[in-house]
């Protein structure tokens, strides 16, 4: 198992698509206010995320807009994330049962656990 040692080495999780219920009206939420003291640091962090390919600017109208949340971490860095509450409501979730790790252990090692 390898862990990220450098912030530039994020790995590749592949891509996915989210399926939403088309009968629900899309939501466009207003922007949250960013404290003036953090504004320059937020711009710098967002530029870094764009440069790394983590986020991409959207310059055209879109159906869904979530709010961005900015939290100052104790180590003088910023955590930038979105608040996907309205989107979570309309997501069509895939229903499958996650395998229990003890089942794998029994199959792989023929062990009696518990």
N, C-alpha and C. Protein backbone atom coordinates (compact mmCIF):
# COMPACT_ATOMS: atom_id res chain seq x y z
N UNK A 1 0.85 -1.17 0.00
CA UNK A 1 0.00 0.00 0.00
C UNK A 1 0.89 1.23 0.00
N UNK A 2 0.57 2.19 -0.84
CA UNK A 2 1.36 3.41 -0.87
C UNK A 2 0.48 4.59 -0.50
N UNK A 3 1.09 5.54 0.14
CA UNK A 3 0.37 6.74 0.56
C UNK A 3 0.93 7.94 -0.18
N UNK A 4 0.15 8.98 -0.25
CA UNK A 4 0.60 10.21 -0.90
C UNK A 4 1.67 10.84 -0.03
N UNK A 5 2.83 11.02 -0.60
CA UNK A 5 3.94 11.62 0.14
C UNK A 5 4.05 13.12 -0.16
N UNK A 6 3.58 13.51 -1.32
CA UNK A 6 3.72 14.87 -1.78
C UNK A 6 2.34 15.34 -2.25
N UNK A 7 2.04 16.60 -2.02
CA UNK A 7 0.71 17.09 -2.41
C UNK A 7 0.52 17.09 -3.92
N UNK A 8 1.61 16.99 -4.70
CA UNK A 8 1.46 16.94 -6.15
C UNK A 8 1.17 15.52 -6.63
N UNK A 9 1.32 14.52 -5.77
CA UNK A 9 1.09 13.12 -6.13
C UNK A 9 -0.23 12.66 -5.54
N UNK A 10 -1.32 12.92 -6.25
CA UNK A 10 -2.65 12.61 -5.73
C UNK A 10 -3.19 11.28 -6.21
N UNK A 11 -2.53 10.66 -7.18
CA UNK A 11 -3.03 9.39 -7.70
C UNK A 11 -4.17 9.63 -8.67
N UNK A 12 -4.78 8.53 -9.12
CA UNK A 12 -5.86 8.62 -10.09
C UNK A 12 -7.00 7.73 -9.63
N UNK A 13 -8.12 8.34 -9.32
CA UNK A 13 -9.29 7.59 -8.89
C UNK A 13 -10.21 7.25 -10.06
N UNK A 14 -9.81 7.62 -11.27
CA UNK A 14 -10.64 7.37 -12.43
C UNK A 14 -11.74 8.40 -12.53
N UNK A 15 -12.75 8.09 -13.29
CA UNK A 15 -13.87 9.02 -13.43
C UNK A 15 -15.17 8.30 -13.15
N UNK A 16 -16.17 9.07 -12.86
CA UNK A 16 -17.48 8.50 -12.58
C UNK A 16 -18.54 9.48 -13.07
N UNK A 17 -19.75 9.04 -13.11
CA UNK A 17 -20.84 9.95 -13.44
C UNK A 17 -21.94 9.75 -12.39
N UNK A 18 -22.56 10.84 -12.03
CA UNK A 18 -23.62 10.79 -11.04
C UNK A 18 -24.96 10.79 -11.76
N UNK A 19 -25.85 9.92 -11.31
CA UNK A 19 -27.18 9.85 -11.90
C UNK A 19 -28.14 10.57 -10.96
N UNK A 20 -28.89 11.52 -11.51
CA UNK A 20 -29.82 12.27 -10.68
C UNK A 20 -31.25 12.06 -11.18
N UNK A 21 -32.18 12.26 -10.29
CA UNK A 21 -33.60 12.14 -10.61
C UNK A 21 -34.01 13.33 -11.48
N UNK A 22 -34.38 13.09 -12.75
CA UNK A 22 -34.70 14.21 -13.65
C UNK A 22 -35.98 14.96 -13.29
N UNK A 23 -36.81 14.38 -12.41
CA UNK A 23 -38.05 15.06 -12.05
C UNK A 23 -37.83 16.18 -11.02
N UNK A 24 -36.64 16.24 -10.43
CA UNK A 24 -36.33 17.26 -9.43
C UNK A 24 -35.77 18.50 -10.13
N UNK A 25 -36.22 19.66 -9.70
CA UNK A 25 -35.72 20.92 -10.26
C UNK A 25 -34.31 21.18 -9.75
N UNK A 26 -33.37 21.50 -10.66
CA UNK A 26 -32.00 21.82 -10.22
C UNK A 26 -31.96 23.03 -9.30
N UNK A 27 -30.95 23.07 -8.45
CA UNK A 27 -30.81 24.16 -7.49
C UNK A 27 -29.55 24.98 -7.80
N UNK A 28 -29.68 26.26 -7.77
CA UNK A 28 -28.55 27.17 -7.89
C UNK A 28 -28.48 27.93 -6.57
N UNK A 29 -27.49 27.59 -5.76
CA UNK A 29 -27.36 28.20 -4.44
C UNK A 29 -26.49 29.44 -4.50
N UNK A 30 -26.76 30.43 -3.66
CA UNK A 30 -25.93 31.63 -3.66
C UNK A 30 -24.55 31.35 -3.09
N UNK A 31 -23.60 32.18 -3.47
CA UNK A 31 -22.23 32.02 -2.96
C UNK A 31 -22.19 32.37 -1.48
N UNK A 32 -21.39 31.64 -0.74
CA UNK A 32 -21.13 32.02 0.64
C UNK A 32 -20.09 33.12 0.64
N UNK A 33 -20.16 33.98 1.61
CA UNK A 33 -19.19 35.06 1.71
C UNK A 33 -17.87 34.52 2.22
N UNK A 34 -16.81 35.01 1.62
CA UNK A 34 -15.46 34.64 2.04
C UNK A 34 -14.88 35.83 2.81
N UNK A 35 -14.35 35.59 4.02
CA UNK A 35 -13.77 36.70 4.77
C UNK A 35 -12.68 37.40 3.96
N UNK A 36 -12.64 38.71 4.04
CA UNK A 36 -11.66 39.49 3.27
C UNK A 36 -10.24 39.05 3.60
N UNK A 37 -10.01 38.68 4.85
CA UNK A 37 -8.66 38.26 5.26
C UNK A 37 -8.22 36.98 4.56
N UNK A 38 -9.17 36.17 4.09
CA UNK A 38 -8.83 34.91 3.43
C UNK A 38 -8.92 34.97 1.91
N UNK A 39 -9.43 36.07 1.36
CA UNK A 39 -9.73 36.13 -0.07
C UNK A 39 -8.53 35.82 -0.96
N UNK A 40 -7.38 36.42 -0.69
CA UNK A 40 -6.19 36.18 -1.51
C UNK A 40 -5.72 34.73 -1.40
N UNK A 41 -5.76 34.20 -0.18
CA UNK A 41 -5.33 32.81 0.02
C UNK A 41 -6.29 31.84 -0.68
N UNK A 42 -7.59 32.15 -0.69
CA UNK A 42 -8.56 31.29 -1.38
C UNK A 42 -8.29 31.31 -2.88
N UNK A 43 -8.03 32.49 -3.45
CA UNK A 43 -7.71 32.58 -4.88
C UNK A 43 -6.47 31.77 -5.21
N UNK A 44 -5.45 31.88 -4.37
CA UNK A 44 -4.21 31.13 -4.59
C UNK A 44 -4.47 29.63 -4.52
N UNK A 45 -5.24 29.20 -3.54
CA UNK A 45 -5.53 27.77 -3.39
C UNK A 45 -6.37 27.25 -4.55
N UNK A 46 -7.36 28.01 -4.98
CA UNK A 46 -8.17 27.59 -6.13
C UNK A 46 -7.32 27.51 -7.40
N UNK A 47 -6.41 28.46 -7.60
CA UNK A 47 -5.51 28.41 -8.76
C UNK A 47 -4.63 27.16 -8.71
N UNK A 48 -4.16 26.82 -7.52
CA UNK A 48 -3.34 25.60 -7.37
C UNK A 48 -4.16 24.36 -7.70
N UNK A 49 -5.42 24.32 -7.26
CA UNK A 49 -6.28 23.17 -7.55
C UNK A 49 -6.57 23.06 -9.05
N UNK A 50 -6.72 24.19 -9.72
CA UNK A 50 -6.92 24.18 -11.17
C UNK A 50 -5.66 23.69 -11.87
N UNK A 51 -4.49 24.17 -11.44
CA UNK A 51 -3.21 23.76 -12.04
C UNK A 51 -2.97 22.26 -11.89
N UNK A 52 -3.41 21.69 -10.77
CA UNK A 52 -3.22 20.25 -10.52
C UNK A 52 -4.28 19.40 -11.23
N UNK A 53 -5.30 20.05 -11.81
CA UNK A 53 -6.34 19.33 -12.51
C UNK A 53 -7.40 18.75 -11.60
N UNK A 54 -7.47 19.23 -10.38
CA UNK A 54 -8.45 18.72 -9.41
C UNK A 54 -9.82 19.34 -9.66
N UNK A 55 -9.83 20.63 -9.96
CA UNK A 55 -11.07 21.32 -10.30
C UNK A 55 -10.88 22.02 -11.64
N UNK A 56 -11.97 22.35 -12.27
CA UNK A 56 -11.92 23.06 -13.55
C UNK A 56 -12.90 24.22 -13.49
N UNK A 57 -12.50 25.37 -13.99
CA UNK A 57 -13.43 26.50 -14.01
C UNK A 57 -14.57 26.25 -14.99
N UNK A 58 -15.74 26.72 -14.64
CA UNK A 58 -16.92 26.59 -15.50
C UNK A 58 -17.33 28.00 -15.91
N UNK A 59 -17.25 28.27 -17.21
CA UNK A 59 -17.53 29.61 -17.70
C UNK A 59 -18.84 29.70 -18.46
N UNK A 60 -19.69 28.72 -18.30
CA UNK A 60 -20.96 28.72 -19.01
C UNK A 60 -22.07 28.39 -18.01
N UNK A 61 -23.31 28.69 -18.36
CA UNK A 61 -24.41 28.39 -17.44
C UNK A 61 -24.48 26.89 -17.12
N UNK A 62 -24.84 26.59 -15.90
CA UNK A 62 -24.97 25.20 -15.46
C UNK A 62 -26.23 25.06 -14.61
N UNK A 63 -26.79 23.84 -14.59
CA UNK A 63 -28.05 23.62 -13.88
C UNK A 63 -27.87 23.59 -12.36
N UNK A 64 -26.76 23.04 -11.90
CA UNK A 64 -26.53 22.87 -10.47
C UNK A 64 -25.35 23.72 -10.03
N UNK A 65 -25.54 24.45 -8.94
CA UNK A 65 -24.43 25.19 -8.32
C UNK A 65 -24.50 24.94 -6.82
N UNK A 66 -23.43 24.36 -6.28
CA UNK A 66 -23.33 24.12 -4.85
C UNK A 66 -22.50 25.21 -4.20
N UNK A 67 -22.65 25.36 -2.91
CA UNK A 67 -21.90 26.36 -2.18
C UNK A 67 -20.50 25.85 -1.84
N UNK A 68 -19.54 26.75 -1.93
CA UNK A 68 -18.17 26.41 -1.56
C UNK A 68 -17.97 26.81 -0.10
N UNK A 69 -17.35 25.91 0.65
CA UNK A 69 -17.04 26.19 2.05
C UNK A 69 -15.53 26.27 2.21
N UNK A 70 -15.07 27.26 2.94
CA UNK A 70 -13.64 27.44 3.18
C UNK A 70 -13.41 27.38 4.69
N UNK A 71 -12.47 26.51 5.10
CA UNK A 71 -12.14 26.37 6.51
C UNK A 71 -10.64 26.54 6.66
N UNK A 72 -10.25 27.33 7.62
CA UNK A 72 -8.83 27.50 7.89
C UNK A 72 -8.37 26.39 8.83
N UNK A 73 -7.39 25.62 8.37
CA UNK A 73 -6.88 24.52 9.17
C UNK A 73 -5.85 25.06 10.17
N UNK A 74 -5.59 24.32 11.26
CA UNK A 74 -4.67 24.81 12.28
C UNK A 74 -3.24 25.03 11.77
N UNK A 75 -2.87 24.37 10.68
CA UNK A 75 -1.50 24.49 10.19
C UNK A 75 -1.38 25.58 9.12
N UNK A 76 -2.25 26.62 9.21
CA UNK A 76 -2.20 27.77 8.33
C UNK A 76 -2.51 27.46 6.87
N UNK A 77 -3.18 26.34 6.61
CA UNK A 77 -3.62 26.02 5.26
C UNK A 77 -5.14 26.15 5.19
N UNK A 78 -5.65 26.13 3.97
CA UNK A 78 -7.09 26.22 3.79
C UNK A 78 -7.65 24.90 3.30
N UNK A 79 -8.82 24.57 3.76
CA UNK A 79 -9.55 23.41 3.24
C UNK A 79 -10.73 23.98 2.46
N UNK A 80 -10.78 23.63 1.18
CA UNK A 80 -11.87 24.10 0.33
C UNK A 80 -12.70 22.90 -0.09
N UNK A 81 -13.99 22.97 0.14
CA UNK A 81 -14.88 21.88 -0.24
C UNK A 81 -16.24 22.46 -0.63
N UNK A 82 -17.13 21.61 -1.06
CA UNK A 82 -18.47 22.07 -1.41
C UNK A 82 -19.47 21.49 -0.41
N UNK A 83 -20.62 22.11 -0.35
CA UNK A 83 -21.71 21.63 0.48
C UNK A 83 -22.75 21.02 -0.46
N UNK A 84 -22.74 19.68 -0.64
CA UNK A 84 -23.60 19.06 -1.63
C UNK A 84 -24.98 18.63 -1.11
N UNK A 85 -25.48 19.23 -0.04
CA UNK A 85 -26.76 18.79 0.53
C UNK A 85 -27.89 18.70 -0.49
N UNK A 86 -28.17 19.74 -1.28
CA UNK A 86 -29.28 19.63 -2.24
C UNK A 86 -29.03 18.55 -3.30
N UNK A 87 -27.78 18.39 -3.70
CA UNK A 87 -27.45 17.37 -4.69
C UNK A 87 -27.62 15.97 -4.11
N UNK A 88 -27.27 15.78 -2.85
CA UNK A 88 -27.41 14.47 -2.22
C UNK A 88 -28.86 13.99 -2.22
N UNK A 89 -29.79 14.92 -2.14
CA UNK A 89 -31.20 14.57 -2.10
C UNK A 89 -31.67 13.93 -3.40
N UNK A 90 -31.12 14.38 -4.53
CA UNK A 90 -31.62 13.93 -5.83
C UNK A 90 -30.76 12.83 -6.47
N UNK A 91 -29.65 12.46 -5.83
CA UNK A 91 -28.81 11.41 -6.40
C UNK A 91 -29.51 10.07 -6.38
N UNK A 92 -29.42 9.36 -7.49
CA UNK A 92 -29.90 7.98 -7.54
C UNK A 92 -28.75 7.10 -7.11
N UNK A 93 -28.91 6.47 -5.98
CA UNK A 93 -27.83 5.67 -5.42
C UNK A 93 -27.90 4.23 -5.94
N UNK A 94 -26.73 3.67 -6.13
CA UNK A 94 -26.67 2.27 -6.53
C UNK A 94 -26.85 1.43 -5.27
N UNK A 95 -27.65 0.40 -5.38
CA UNK A 95 -27.94 -0.43 -4.21
C UNK A 95 -27.23 -1.77 -4.37
N UNK A 96 -26.22 -1.92 -3.61
CA UNK A 96 -25.53 -3.21 -3.55
C UNK A 96 -24.95 -3.35 -2.16
N UNK A 97 -24.86 -4.56 -1.74
CA UNK A 97 -24.38 -4.83 -0.40
C UNK A 97 -22.86 -4.93 -0.42
N UNK A 98 -22.23 -4.17 0.45
CA UNK A 98 -20.78 -4.23 0.54
C UNK A 98 -20.38 -5.53 1.23
N UNK A 99 -19.35 -6.19 0.72
CA UNK A 99 -18.91 -7.43 1.35
C UNK A 99 -18.32 -7.15 2.73
N UNK A 100 -18.54 -8.07 3.62
CA UNK A 100 -18.05 -7.96 4.99
C UNK A 100 -16.64 -8.55 5.02
N UNK A 101 -15.70 -7.87 5.64
CA UNK A 101 -14.30 -8.29 5.57
C UNK A 101 -14.07 -9.68 6.17
N UNK A 102 -14.86 -10.08 7.14
CA UNK A 102 -14.66 -11.42 7.72
C UNK A 102 -15.03 -12.51 6.70
N UNK A 103 -15.98 -12.23 5.81
CA UNK A 103 -16.31 -13.20 4.77
C UNK A 103 -15.11 -13.44 3.87
N UNK A 104 -14.39 -12.38 3.54
CA UNK A 104 -13.19 -12.53 2.71
C UNK A 104 -12.12 -13.32 3.44
N UNK A 105 -11.96 -13.02 4.72
CA UNK A 105 -10.93 -13.72 5.49
C UNK A 105 -11.24 -15.22 5.56
N UNK A 106 -12.50 -15.57 5.73
CA UNK A 106 -12.87 -16.99 5.78
C UNK A 106 -12.61 -17.67 4.45
N UNK A 107 -12.95 -16.99 3.36
CA UNK A 107 -12.71 -17.57 2.05
C UNK A 107 -11.23 -17.69 1.73
N UNK A 108 -10.50 -16.66 2.02
CA UNK A 108 -9.09 -16.62 1.64
C UNK A 108 -8.22 -17.51 2.52
N UNK A 109 -8.47 -17.51 3.79
CA UNK A 109 -7.60 -18.22 4.71
C UNK A 109 -8.25 -19.43 5.34
N UNK A 110 -9.48 -19.71 4.99
CA UNK A 110 -10.22 -20.80 5.62
C UNK A 110 -10.10 -20.77 7.12
N UNK A 111 -10.28 -19.60 7.68
CA UNK A 111 -10.08 -19.41 9.11
C UNK A 111 -11.42 -19.32 9.81
N UNK A 112 -11.43 -19.75 11.04
CA UNK A 112 -12.58 -19.57 11.90
C UNK A 112 -12.36 -18.32 12.73
N UNK A 113 -13.06 -17.27 12.38
CA UNK A 113 -12.92 -16.02 13.10
C UNK A 113 -14.14 -15.83 13.97
N UNK A 114 -13.94 -15.32 15.13
CA UNK A 114 -14.98 -15.06 16.12
C UNK A 114 -15.34 -16.30 16.78
